[in-house]
PDB file of N, CA and C in Angstrom:
ATOM      1  N   MET A   1      89.315 -49.279 -44.047  1.00  0.00           N
ATOM      2  CA  MET A   1      88.371 -48.188 -44.068  1.00  0.00           C
ATOM      3  C   MET A   1      88.281 -47.575 -42.669  1.00  0.00           C
ATOM      4  N   MET A   2      88.283 -46.279 -42.611  1.00  0.00           N
ATOM      5  CA  MET A   2      88.169 -45.560 -41.337  1.00  0.00           C
ATOM      6  C   MET A   2      86.708 -45.578 -40.874  1.00  0.00           C
ATOM      7  N   THR A   3      86.530 -45.784 -39.571  1.00  0.00           N
ATOM      8  CA  THR A   3      85.182 -45.779 -39.007  1.00  0.00           C
ATOM      9  C   THR A   3      85.161 -44.998 -37.700  1.00  0.00           C
ATOM     10  N   ILE A   4      83.973 -44.558 -37.349  1.00  0.00           N
ATOM     11  CA  ILE A   4      83.710 -43.953 -36.045  1.00  0.00           C
ATOM     12  C   ILE A   4      82.611 -44.799 -35.426  1.00  0.00           C
ATOM     13  N   ASN A   5      82.930 -45.508 -34.363  1.00  0.00           N
ATOM     14  CA  ASN A   5      82.000 -46.425 -33.706  1.00  0.00           C
ATOM     15  C   ASN A   5      81.372 -47.399 -34.708  1.00  0.00           C
ATOM     16  N   GLY A   6      82.173 -47.855 -35.661  1.00  0.00           N
ATOM     17  CA  GLY A   6      81.714 -48.809 -36.657  1.00  0.00           C
ATOM     18  C   GLY A   6      81.049 -48.200 -37.872  1.00  0.00           C
ATOM     19  N   ILE A   7      80.868 -46.892 -37.867  1.00  0.00           N
ATOM     20  CA  ILE A   7      80.217 -46.198 -38.985  1.00  0.00           C
ATOM     21  C   ILE A   7      81.298 -45.709 -39.939  1.00  0.00           C
ATOM     22  N   PRO A   8      81.221 -46.074 -41.223  1.00  0.00           N
ATOM     23  CA  PRO A   8      82.243 -45.609 -42.169  1.00  0.00           C
ATOM     24  C   PRO A   8      82.283 -44.082 -42.242  1.00  0.00           C
ATOM     25  N   THR A   9      83.468 -43.528 -42.187  1.00  0.00           N
ATOM     26  CA  THR A   9      83.598 -42.067 -42.244  1.00  0.00           C
ATOM     27  C   THR A   9      83.231 -41.521 -43.619  1.00  0.00           C
ATOM     28  N   THR A  10      83.088 -42.399 -44.604  1.00  0.00           N
ATOM     29  CA  THR A  10      82.684 -41.952 -45.942  1.00  0.00           C
ATOM     30  C   THR A  10      81.221 -41.543 -45.981  1.00  0.00           C
ATOM     31  N   ASP A  11      80.423 -42.005 -45.023  1.00  0.00           N
ATOM     32  CA  ASP A  11      79.009 -41.628 -44.977  1.00  0.00           C
ATOM     33  C   ASP A  11      78.854 -40.401 -44.085  1.00  0.00           C
ATOM     34  N   LYS A  12      79.115 -39.258 -44.667  1.00  0.00           N
ATOM     35  CA  LYS A  12      79.161 -37.996 -43.912  1.00  0.00           C
ATOM     36  C   LYS A  12      77.838 -37.673 -43.218  1.00  0.00           C
ATOM     37  N   ASN A  13      76.702 -37.960 -43.878  1.00  0.00           N
ATOM     38  CA  ASN A  13      75.406 -37.635 -43.281  1.00  0.00           C
ATOM     39  C   ASN A  13      75.139 -38.443 -42.020  1.00  0.00           C
ATOM     40  N   ILE A  14      75.432 -39.728 -42.072  1.00  0.00           N
ATOM     41  CA  ILE A  14      75.208 -40.556 -40.885  1.00  0.00           C
ATOM     42  C   ILE A  14      76.167 -40.150 -39.770  1.00  0.00           C
ATOM     43  N   ILE A  15      77.400 -39.864 -40.110  1.00  0.00           N
ATOM     44  CA  ILE A  15      78.370 -39.407 -39.103  1.00  0.00           C
ATOM     45  C   ILE A  15      77.898 -38.099 -38.476  1.00  0.00           C
ATOM     46  N   ALA A  16      77.405 -37.173 -39.286  1.00  0.00           N
ATOM     47  CA  ALA A  16      76.925 -35.886 -38.763  1.00  0.00           C
ATOM     48  C   ALA A  16      75.759 -36.098 -37.805  1.00  0.00           C
ATOM     49  N   ILE A  17      74.800 -36.924 -38.206  1.00  0.00           N
ATOM     50  CA  ILE A  17      73.648 -37.190 -37.341  1.00  0.00           C
ATOM     51  C   ILE A  17      74.107 -37.886 -36.062  1.00  0.00           C
ATOM     52  N   TYR A  18      74.962 -38.878 -36.184  1.00  0.00           N
ATOM     53  CA  TYR A  18      75.488 -39.594 -35.019  1.00  0.00           C
ATOM     54  C   TYR A  18      76.148 -38.623 -34.041  1.00  0.00           C
ATOM     55  N   ASN A  19      76.994 -37.748 -34.539  1.00  0.00           N
ATOM     56  CA  ASN A  19      77.688 -36.788 -33.670  1.00  0.00           C
ATOM     57  C   ASN A  19      76.714 -35.847 -32.971  1.00  0.00           C
ATOM     58  N   LEU A  20      75.665 -35.426 -33.662  1.00  0.00           N
ATOM     59  CA  LEU A  20      74.663 -34.563 -33.033  1.00  0.00           C
ATOM     60  C   LEU A  20      73.897 -35.319 -31.948  1.00  0.00           C
ATOM     61  N   LEU A  21      73.575 -36.576 -32.212  1.00  0.00           N
ATOM     62  CA  LEU A  21      72.798 -37.355 -31.248  1.00  0.00           C
ATOM     63  C   LEU A  21      73.599 -37.745 -30.013  1.00  0.00           C
ATOM     64  N   LEU A  22      74.907 -37.799 -30.132  1.00  0.00           N
ATOM     65  CA  LEU A  22      75.743 -38.187 -28.989  1.00  0.00           C
ATOM     66  C   LEU A  22      75.512 -37.301 -27.772  1.00  0.00           C
ATOM     67  N   ASN A  23      75.297 -36.025 -27.985  1.00  0.00           N
ATOM     68  CA  ASN A  23      75.129 -35.087 -26.872  1.00  0.00           C
ATOM     69  C   ASN A  23      73.675 -34.884 -26.473  1.00  0.00           C
ATOM     70  N   ALA A  24      72.756 -35.488 -27.217  1.00  0.00           N
ATOM     71  CA  ALA A  24      71.333 -35.344 -26.908  1.00  0.00           C
ATOM     72  C   ALA A  24      70.936 -36.324 -25.809  1.00  0.00           C
ATOM     73  N   THR A  25      69.887 -35.971 -25.081  1.00  0.00           N
ATOM     74  CA  THR A  25      69.362 -36.824 -24.011  1.00  0.00           C
ATOM     75  C   THR A  25      67.845 -36.844 -24.095  1.00  0.00           C
ATOM     76  N   LEU A  26      67.228 -37.670 -23.283  1.00  0.00           N
ATOM     77  CA  LEU A  26      65.772 -37.704 -23.195  1.00  0.00           C
ATOM     78  C   LEU A  26      65.228 -36.331 -22.819  1.00  0.00           C
ATOM     79  N   GLU A  27      65.895 -35.659 -21.894  1.00  0.00           N
ATOM     80  CA  GLU A  27      65.451 -34.337 -21.451  1.00  0.00           C
ATOM     81  C   GLU A  27      65.791 -33.243 -22.455  1.00  0.00           C
ATOM     82  N   ASN A  28      66.808 -33.464 -23.255  1.00  0.00           N
ATOM     83  CA  ASN A  28      67.254 -32.460 -24.222  1.00  0.00           C
ATOM     84  C   ASN A  28      67.554 -33.131 -25.573  1.00  0.00           C
ATOM     85  N   PRO A  29      66.489 -33.599 -26.258  1.00  0.00           N
ATOM     86  CA  PRO A  29      66.700 -34.283 -27.533  1.00  0.00           C
ATOM     87  C   PRO A  29      66.957 -33.292 -28.664  1.00  0.00           C
ATOM     88  N   ILE A  30      67.439 -33.821 -29.781  1.00  0.00           N
ATOM     89  CA  ILE A  30      67.674 -33.006 -30.975  1.00  0.00           C
ATOM     90  C   ILE A  30      66.413 -33.044 -31.830  1.00  0.00           C
ATOM     91  N   ARG A  31      65.852 -31.896 -32.072  1.00  0.00           N
ATOM     92  CA  ARG A  31      64.628 -31.822 -32.880  1.00  0.00           C
ATOM     93  C   ARG A  31      64.934 -32.071 -34.352  1.00  0.00           C
ATOM     94  N   THR A  32      63.931 -32.582 -35.039  1.00  0.00           N
ATOM     95  CA  THR A  32      64.068 -32.853 -36.469  1.00  0.00           C
ATOM     96  C   THR A  32      64.428 -31.583 -37.227  1.00  0.00           C
ATOM     97  N   SER A  33      63.827 -30.474 -36.860  1.00  0.00           N
ATOM     98  CA  SER A  33      64.110 -29.210 -37.555  1.00  0.00           C
ATOM     99  C   SER A  33      65.588 -28.845 -37.441  1.00  0.00           C
ATOM    100  N   TYR A  34      66.190 -29.129 -36.293  1.00  0.00           N
ATOM    101  CA  TYR A  34      67.616 -28.850 -36.114  1.00  0.00           C
ATOM    102  C   TYR A  34      68.453 -29.790 -36.976  1.00  0.00           C
ATOM    103  N   LEU A  35      68.087 -31.069 -37.000  1.00  0.00           N
ATOM    104  CA  LEU A  35      68.811 -32.028 -37.844  1.00  0.00           C
ATOM    105  C   LEU A  35      68.707 -31.645 -39.319  1.00  0.00           C
ATOM    106  N   LYS A  36      67.529 -31.171 -39.734  1.00  0.00           N
ATOM    107  CA  LYS A  36      67.355 -30.735 -41.129  1.00  0.00           C
ATOM    108  C   LYS A  36      68.274 -29.564 -41.440  1.00  0.00           C
ATOM    109  N   ALA A  37      68.307 -28.591 -40.543  1.00  0.00           N
ATOM    110  CA  ALA A  37      69.146 -27.408 -40.766  1.00  0.00           C
ATOM    111  C   ALA A  37      70.631 -27.763 -40.734  1.00  0.00           C
ATOM    112  N   ALA A  38      71.011 -28.644 -39.831  1.00  0.00           N
ATOM    113  CA  ALA A  38      72.431 -28.991 -39.670  1.00  0.00           C
ATOM    114  C   ALA A  38      72.961 -29.866 -40.800  1.00  0.00           C
ATOM    115  N   THR A  39      72.085 -30.707 -41.376  1.00  0.00           N
ATOM    116  CA  THR A  39      72.553 -31.658 -42.389  1.00  0.00           C
ATOM    117  C   THR A  39      72.116 -31.315 -43.806  1.00  0.00           C
ATOM    118  N   GLY A  40      71.064 -30.502 -43.932  1.00  0.00           N
ATOM    119  CA  GLY A  40      70.516 -30.215 -45.254  1.00  0.00           C
ATOM    120  C   GLY A  40      69.660 -31.350 -45.800  1.00  0.00           C
ATOM    121  N   LEU A  41      69.376 -32.345 -44.971  1.00  0.00           N
ATOM    122  CA  LEU A  41      68.570 -33.487 -45.396  1.00  0.00           C
ATOM    123  C   LEU A  41      67.097 -33.247 -45.095  1.00  0.00           C
ATOM    124  N   ASN A  42      66.221 -33.910 -45.841  1.00  0.00           N
ATOM    125  CA  ASN A  42      64.795 -33.807 -45.537  1.00  0.00           C
ATOM    126  C   ASN A  42      64.435 -34.799 -44.427  1.00  0.00           C
ATOM    127  N   GLU A  43      63.229 -34.665 -43.906  1.00  0.00           N
ATOM    128  CA  GLU A  43      62.813 -35.462 -42.750  1.00  0.00           C
ATOM    129  C   GLU A  43      62.833 -36.965 -43.048  1.00  0.00           C
ATOM    130  N   ARG A  44      62.378 -37.356 -44.221  1.00  0.00           N
ATOM    131  CA  ARG A  44      62.358 -38.776 -44.580  1.00  0.00           C
ATOM    132  C   ARG A  44      63.776 -39.358 -44.601  1.00  0.00           C
ATOM    133  N   THR A  45      64.715 -38.605 -45.161  1.00  0.00           N
ATOM    134  CA  THR A  45      66.101 -39.072 -45.236  1.00  0.00           C
ATOM    135  C   THR A  45      66.719 -39.147 -43.844  1.00  0.00           C
ATOM    136  N   ILE A  46      66.385 -38.198 -42.991  1.00  0.00           N
ATOM    137  CA  ILE A  46      66.880 -38.234 -41.609  1.00  0.00           C
ATOM    138  C   ILE A  46      66.381 -39.495 -40.909  1.00  0.00           C
ATOM    139  N   ARG A  47      65.087 -39.798 -41.047  1.00  0.00           N
ATOM    140  CA  ARG A  47      64.545 -41.024 -40.440  1.00  0.00           C
ATOM    141  C   ARG A  47      65.255 -42.262 -40.984  1.00  0.00           C
ATOM    142  N   ASP A  48      65.501 -42.261 -42.295  1.00  0.00           N
ATOM    143  CA  ASP A  48      66.210 -43.389 -42.909  1.00  0.00           C
ATOM    144  C   ASP A  48      67.612 -43.539 -42.325  1.00  0.00           C
ATOM    145  N   ARG A  49      68.330 -42.435 -42.174  1.00  0.00           N
ATOM    146  CA  ARG A  49      69.694 -42.496 -41.641  1.00  0.00           C
ATOM    147  C   ARG A  49      69.698 -42.943 -40.179  1.00  0.00           C
ATOM    148  N   ILE A  50      68.708 -42.520 -39.414  1.00  0.00           N
ATOM    149  CA  ILE A  50      68.623 -42.956 -38.018  1.00  0.00           C
ATOM    150  C   ILE A  50      68.291 -44.446 -37.966  1.00  0.00           C
ATOM    151  N   ASN A  51      67.427 -44.908 -38.856  1.00  0.00           N
ATOM    152  CA  ASN A  51      67.162 -46.351 -38.933  1.00  0.00           C
ATOM    153  C   ASN A  51      68.426 -47.122 -39.285  1.00  0.00           C
ATOM    154  N   ARG A  52      69.253 -46.571 -40.138  1.00  0.00           N
ATOM    155  CA  ARG A  52      70.526 -47.218 -40.468  1.00  0.00           C
ATOM    156  C   ARG A  52      71.444 -47.268 -39.250  1.00  0.00           C
ATOM    157  N   LEU A  53      71.442 -46.190 -38.445  1.00  0.00           N
ATOM    158  CA  LEU A  53      72.227 -46.225 -37.204  1.00  0.00           C
ATOM    159  C   LEU A  53      71.783 -47.400 -36.335  1.00  0.00           C
ATOM    160  N   VAL A  54      70.476 -47.601 -36.253  1.00  0.00           N
ATOM    161  CA  VAL A  54      69.927 -48.673 -35.421  1.00  0.00           C
ATOM    162  C   VAL A  54      70.208 -50.046 -36.025  1.00  0.00           C
ATOM    163  N   PHE A  55      69.825 -50.239 -37.283  1.00  0.00           N
ATOM    164  CA  PHE A  55      69.871 -51.575 -37.881  1.00  0.00           C
ATOM    165  C   PHE A  55      71.237 -51.966 -38.436  1.00  0.00           C
ATOM    166  N   ASP A  56      71.953 -51.014 -38.991  1.00  0.00           N
ATOM    167  CA  ASP A  56      73.245 -51.347 -39.609  1.00  0.00           C
ATOM    168  C   ASP A  56      74.423 -51.217 -38.648  1.00  0.00           C
ATOM    169  N   TYR A  57      74.320 -50.288 -37.684  1.00  0.00           N
ATOM    170  CA  TYR A  57      75.478 -49.995 -36.842  1.00  0.00           C
ATOM    171  C   TYR A  57      75.251 -50.249 -35.354  1.00  0.00           C
ATOM    172  N   GLY A  58      74.079 -50.765 -34.979  1.00  0.00           N
ATOM    173  CA  GLY A  58      73.842 -51.159 -33.595  1.00  0.00           C
ATOM    174  C   GLY A  58      73.764 -50.024 -32.596  1.00  0.00           C
ATOM    175  N   ILE A  59      73.377 -48.834 -33.046  1.00  0.00           N
ATOM    176  CA  ILE A  59      73.277 -47.673 -32.157  1.00  0.00           C
ATOM    177  C   ILE A  59      71.841 -47.593 -31.618  1.00  0.00           C
ATOM    178  N   PRO A  60      71.631 -47.491 -30.297  1.00  0.00           N
ATOM    179  CA  PRO A  60      70.278 -47.421 -29.748  1.00  0.00           C
ATOM    180  C   PRO A  60      69.687 -46.008 -29.853  1.00  0.00           C
ATOM    181  N   ALA A  61      69.514 -45.548 -31.085  1.00  0.00           N
ATOM    182  CA  ALA A  61      69.000 -44.195 -31.330  1.00  0.00           C
ATOM    183  C   ALA A  61      67.503 -44.248 -31.596  1.00  0.00           C
ATOM    184  N   GLY A  62      66.826 -43.188 -31.229  1.00  0.00           N
ATOM    185  CA  GLY A  62      65.393 -43.116 -31.481  1.00  0.00           C
ATOM    186  C   GLY A  62      64.839 -41.783 -31.058  1.00  0.00           C
ATOM    187  N   THR A  63      63.523 -41.744 -30.992  1.00  0.00           N
ATOM    188  CA  THR A  63      62.828 -40.517 -30.648  1.00  0.00           C
ATOM    189  C   THR A  63      61.719 -40.820 -29.657  1.00  0.00           C
ATOM    190  N   THR A  64      61.214 -39.779 -29.049  1.00  0.00           N
ATOM    191  CA  THR A  64      60.049 -39.906 -28.183  1.00  0.00           C
ATOM    192  C   THR A  64      58.885 -39.203 -28.860  1.00  0.00           C
ATOM    193  N   ARG A  65      57.703 -39.494 -28.371  1.00  0.00           N
ATOM    194  CA  ARG A  65      56.496 -38.884 -28.936  1.00  0.00           C
ATOM    195  C   ARG A  65      55.823 -38.017 -27.880  1.00  0.00           C
ATOM    196  N   THR A  66      56.628 -37.286 -27.174  1.00  0.00           N
ATOM    197  CA  THR A  66      56.123 -36.409 -26.125  1.00  0.00           C
ATOM    198  C   THR A  66      56.152 -34.970 -26.626  1.00  0.00           C
ATOM    199  N   GLN A  67      55.736 -34.059 -25.775  1.00  0.00           N
ATOM    200  CA  GLN A  67      55.784 -32.641 -26.131  1.00  0.00           C
ATOM    201  C   GLN A  67      57.221 -32.208 -26.418  1.00  0.00           C
ATOM    202  N   ASN A  68      58.164 -32.815 -25.735  1.00  0.00           N
ATOM    203  CA  ASN A  68      59.582 -32.502 -25.918  1.00  0.00           C
ATOM    204  C   ASN A  68      60.219 -33.521 -26.869  1.00  0.00           C
ATOM    205  N   ALA A  69      59.558 -33.760 -27.990  1.00  0.00           N
ATOM    206  CA  ALA A  69      59.991 -34.800 -28.928  1.00  0.00           C
ATOM    207  C   ALA A  69      61.301 -34.427 -29.601  1.00  0.00           C
ATOM    208  N   GLY A  70      62.065 -35.447 -29.900  1.00  0.00           N
ATOM    209  CA  GLY A  70      63.324 -35.274 -30.603  1.00  0.00           C
ATOM    210  C   GLY A  70      64.130 -36.550 -30.532  1.00  0.00           C
ATOM    211  N   TYR A  71      65.246 -36.560 -31.220  1.00  0.00           N
ATOM    212  CA  TYR A  71      66.099 -37.744 -31.323  1.00  0.00           C
ATOM    213  C   TYR A  71      67.237 -37.711 -30.311  1.00  0.00           C
ATOM    214  N   PHE A  72      67.651 -38.901 -29.886  1.00  0.00           N
ATOM    215  CA  PHE A  72      68.793 -39.038 -28.987  1.00  0.00           C
ATOM    216  C   PHE A  72      69.247 -40.490 -29.011  1.00  0.00           C
ATOM    217  N   ILE A  73      70.406 -40.738 -28.472  1.00  0.00           N
ATOM    218  CA  ILE A  73      70.911 -42.097 -28.305  1.00  0.00           C
ATOM    219  C   ILE A  73      70.670 -42.493 -26.854  1.00  0.00           C
ATOM    220  N   ALA A  74      69.975 -43.601 -26.652  1.00  0.00           N
ATOM    221  CA  ALA A  74      69.672 -44.066 -25.295  1.00  0.00           C
ATOM    222  C   ALA A  74      70.956 -44.468 -24.584  1.00  0.00           C
ATOM    223  N   LYS A  75      71.154 -43.871 -23.425  1.00  0.00           N
ATOM    224  CA  LYS A  75      72.332 -44.187 -22.615  1.00  0.00           C
ATOM    225  C   LYS A  75      71.947 -44.840 -21.294  1.00  0.00           C
ATOM    226  N   THR A  76      70.646 -44.845 -20.993  1.00  0.00           N
ATOM    227  CA  THR A  76      70.143 -45.484 -19.776  1.00  0.00           C
ATOM    228  C   THR A  76      68.937 -46.344 -20.150  1.00  0.00           C
ATOM    229  N   GLU A  77      68.574 -47.228 -19.238  1.00  0.00           N
ATOM    230  CA  GLU A  77      67.385 -48.067 -19.443  1.00  0.00           C
ATOM    231  C   GLU A  77      66.132 -47.199 -19.572  1.00  0.00           C
ATOM    232  N   GLU A  78      66.054 -46.127 -18.774  1.00  0.00           N
ATOM    233  CA  GLU A  78      64.908 -45.213 -18.838  1.00  0.00           C
ATOM    234  C   GLU A  78      64.792 -44.589 -20.230  1.00  0.00           C
ATOM    235  N   GLU A  79      65.906 -44.149 -20.788  1.00  0.00           N
ATOM    236  CA  GLU A  79      65.887 -43.554 -22.123  1.00  0.00           C
ATOM    237  C   GLU A  79      65.510 -44.590 -23.175  1.00  0.00           C
ATOM    238  N   LEU A  80      66.016 -45.797 -23.028  1.00  0.00           N
ATOM    239  CA  LEU A  80      65.673 -46.857 -23.972  1.00  0.00           C
ATOM    240  C   LEU A  80      64.172 -47.135 -23.951  1.00  0.00           C
ATOM    241  N   LYS A  81      63.599 -47.223 -22.754  1.00  0.00           N
ATOM    242  CA  LYS A  81      62.159 -47.458 -22.630  1.00  0.00           C
ATOM    243  C   LYS A  81      61.351 -46.314 -23.229  1.00  0.00           C
ATOM    244  N   ALA A  82      61.829 -45.092 -23.073  1.00  0.00           N
ATOM    245  CA  ALA A  82      61.131 -43.937 -23.651  1.00  0.00           C
ATOM    246  C   ALA A  82      61.074 -44.041 -25.175  1.00  0.00           C
ATOM    247  N   ILE A  83      62.065 -44.703 -25.760  1.00  0.00           N
ATOM    248  CA  ILE A  83      62.084 -44.897 -27.213  1.00  0.00           C
ATOM    249  C   ILE A  83      61.195 -46.070 -27.611  1.00  0.00           C
ATOM    250  N   TYR A  84      61.355 -47.218 -26.955  1.00  0.00           N
ATOM    251  CA  TYR A  84      60.701 -48.414 -27.489  1.00  0.00           C
ATOM    252  C   TYR A  84      59.273 -48.659 -27.009  1.00  0.00           C
ATOM    253  N   LEU A  85      58.874 -48.170 -25.849  1.00  0.00           N
ATOM    254  CA  LEU A  85      57.514 -48.439 -25.383  1.00  0.00           C
ATOM    255  C   LEU A  85      56.440 -47.863 -26.313  1.00  0.00           C
ATOM    256  N   PRO A  86      56.578 -46.629 -26.807  1.00  0.00           N
ATOM    257  CA  PRO A  86      55.579 -46.137 -27.766  1.00  0.00           C
ATOM    258  C   PRO A  86      55.560 -46.947 -29.072  1.00  0.00           C
ATOM    259  N   ILE A  87      56.720 -47.403 -29.513  1.00  0.00           N
ATOM    260  CA  ILE A  87      56.782 -48.221 -30.730  1.00  0.00           C
ATOM    261  C   ILE A  87      56.070 -49.551 -30.488  1.00  0.00           C
ATOM    262  N   LEU A  88      56.297 -50.137 -29.329  1.00  0.00           N
ATOM    263  CA  LEU A  88      55.652 -51.394 -28.973  1.00  0.00           C
ATOM    264  C   LEU A  88      54.133 -51.233 -28.921  1.00  0.00           C
ATOM    265  N   ALA A  89      53.667 -50.157 -28.298  1.00  0.00           N
ATOM    266  CA  ALA A  89      52.226 -49.900 -28.223  1.00  0.00           C
ATOM    267  C   ALA A  89      51.637 -49.714 -29.621  1.00  0.00           C
ATOM    268  N   GLN A  90      52.336 -48.986 -30.469  1.00  0.00           N
ATOM    269  CA  GLN A  90      51.864 -48.782 -31.837  1.00  0.00           C
ATOM    270  C   GLN A  90      51.816 -50.113 -32.589  1.00  0.00           C
ATOM    271  N   GLY A  91      52.831 -50.934 -32.404  1.00  0.00           N
ATOM    272  CA  GLY A  91      52.861 -52.239 -33.060  1.00  0.00           C
ATOM    273  C   GLY A  91      51.688 -53.108 -32.647  1.00  0.00           C
ATOM    274  N   LYS A  92      51.365 -53.109 -31.359  1.00  0.00           N
ATOM    275  CA  LYS A  92      50.221 -53.884 -30.871  1.00  0.00           C
ATOM    276  C   LYS A  92      48.923 -53.376 -31.488  1.00  0.00           C
ATOM    277  N   GLU A  93      48.777 -52.064 -31.564  1.00  0.00           N
ATOM    278  CA  GLU A  93      47.569 -51.480 -32.152  1.00  0.00           C
ATOM    279  C   GLU A  93      47.485 -51.792 -33.646  1.00  0.00           C
ATOM    280  N   GLU A  94      48.605 -51.739 -34.341  1.00  0.00           N
ATOM    281  CA  GLU A  94      48.623 -52.072 -35.774  1.00  0.00           C
ATOM    282  C   GLU A  94      48.237 -53.532 -35.984  1.00  0.00           C
ATOM    283  N   LEU A  95      48.743 -54.433 -35.149  1.00  0.00           N
ATOM    284  CA  LEU A  95      48.398 -55.845 -35.258  1.00  0.00           C
ATOM    285  C   LEU A  95      46.913 -56.066 -34.966  1.00  0.00           C
ATOM    286  N   ARG A  96      46.382 -55.356 -33.988  1.00  0.00           N
ATOM    287  CA  ARG A  96      44.950 -55.442 -33.675  1.00  0.00           C
ATOM    288  C   ARG A  96      44.122 -55.027 -34.886  1.00  0.00           C
ATOM    289  N   ARG A  97      44.562 -53.968 -35.561  1.00  0.00           N
ATOM    290  CA  ARG A  97      43.855 -53.486 -36.754  1.00  0.00           C
ATOM    291  C   ARG A  97      43.931 -54.510 -37.887  1.00  0.00           C
ATOM    292  N   VAL A  98      45.101 -55.092 -38.104  1.00  0.00           N
ATOM    293  CA  VAL A  98      45.258 -56.119 -39.148  1.00  0.00           C
ATOM    294  C   VAL A  98      44.306 -57.280 -38.884  1.00  0.00           C
ATOM    295  N   ASN A  99      44.291 -57.755 -37.654  1.00  0.00           N
ATOM    296  CA  ASN A  99      43.414 -58.878 -37.315  1.00  0.00           C
ATOM    297  C   ASN A  99      41.949 -58.529 -37.518  1.00  0.00           C
ATOM    298  N   LYS A 100      41.562 -57.317 -37.156  1.00  0.00           N
ATOM    299  CA  LYS A 100      40.168 -56.891 -37.329  1.00  0.00           C
ATOM    300  C   LYS A 100      39.824 -56.755 -38.806  1.00  0.00           C
ATOM    301  N   LEU A 101      40.734 -56.232 -39.606  1.00  0.00           N
ATOM    302  CA  LEU A 101      40.494 -56.135 -41.048  1.00  0.00           C
ATOM    303  C   LEU A 101      40.278 -57.515 -41.658  1.00  0.00           C
ATOM    304  N   LYS A 102      41.094 -58.469 -41.272  1.00  0.00           N
ATOM    305  CA  LYS A 102      40.950 -59.831 -41.789  1.00  0.00           C
ATOM    306  C   LYS A 102      39.611 -60.432 -41.366  1.00  0.00           C
ATOM    307  N   GLU A 103      39.247 -60.219 -40.113  1.00  0.00           N
ATOM    308  CA  GLU A 103      37.963 -60.708 -39.611  1.00  0.00           C
ATOM    309  C   GLU A 103      36.813 -60.044 -40.360  1.00  0.00           C
ATOM    310  N   ASN A 104      36.886 -58.729 -40.519  1.00  0.00           N
ATOM    311  CA  ASN A 104      35.835 -58.000 -41.233  1.00  0.00           C
ATOM    312  C   ASN A 104      35.708 -58.485 -42.668  1.00  0.00           C
ATOM    313  N   PHE A 105      36.834 -58.708 -43.315  1.00  0.00           N
ATOM    314  CA  PHE A 105      36.807 -59.165 -44.701  1.00  0.00           C
ATOM    315  C   PHE A 105      36.115 -60.519 -44.802  1.00  0.00           C
ATOM    316  N   THR A 106      36.467 -61.420 -43.900  1.00  0.00           N
ATOM    317  CA  THR A 106      35.857 -62.753 -43.916  1.00  0.00           C
ATOM    318  C   THR A 106      34.358 -62.654 -43.698  1.00  0.00           C
ATOM    319  N   ASN A 107      33.939 -61.894 -42.699  1.00  0.00           N
ATOM    320  CA  ASN A 107      32.512 -61.750 -42.389  1.00  0.00           C
ATOM    321  C   ASN A 107      31.772 -60.973 -43.462  1.00  0.00           C
ATOM    322  N   TRP A 108      32.348 -59.923 -43.941  1.00  0.00           N
ATOM    323  CA  TRP A 108      31.718 -59.094 -44.968  1.00  0.00           C
ATOM    324  C   TRP A 108      31.574 -59.885 -46.256  1.00  0.00           C
ATOM    325  N   ASN A 109      32.601 -60.633 -46.609  1.00  0.00           N
ATOM    326  CA  ASN A 109      32.597 -61.432 -47.828  1.00  0.00           C
ATOM    327  C   ASN A 109      31.479 -62.474 -47.784  1.00  0.00           C
ATOM    328  N   LYS A 110      31.240 -63.070 -46.615  1.00  0.00           N
ATOM    329  CA  LYS A 110      30.171 -64.060 -46.459  1.00  0.00           C
ATOM    330  C   LYS A 110      28.804 -63.410 -46.633  1.00  0.00           C
ATOM    331  N   GLU A 111      28.648 -62.205 -46.093  1.00  0.00           N
ATOM    332  CA  GLU A 111      27.369 -61.503 -46.181  1.00  0.00           C
ATOM    333  C   GLU A 111      27.041 -61.103 -47.608  1.00  0.00           C
ATOM    334  N   GLU A 112      28.056 -60.821 -48.397  1.00  0.00           N
ATOM    335  CA  GLU A 112      27.853 -60.348 -49.764  1.00  0.00           C
ATOM    336  C   GLU A 112      27.502 -61.483 -50.723  1.00  0.00           C
ATOM    337  N   GLN A 113      27.792 -62.706 -50.346  1.00  0.00           N
ATOM    338  CA  GLN A 113      27.553 -63.826 -51.277  1.00  0.00           C
ATOM    339  C   GLN A 113      26.163 -64.362 -51.195  1.00  0.00           C
TER     340      GLN A 113
END
């Protein structure tokens, strides 16, 4: 089977997204609207394909949550941190919420009995 950086060439959508992201940078990311227009895919499918690049093909692709938001492949440590630090912060906040919900449920349940 033919591949490009380990990605099967039969998956045209992932190859198209990968090729677009190759030239993107932290300073000049590819916006979702551009990916939608270039691929004809909806936003959810684009996110799914980028997740496949990360999880299935080992590509350090992601997005930032800044005013200049968009997708790119991290080529430096700085770019990698720009992708993962917001995800890490969100994960910590989500875990804090889960723990508080469990605590609230336990306390609320006791009060109701």
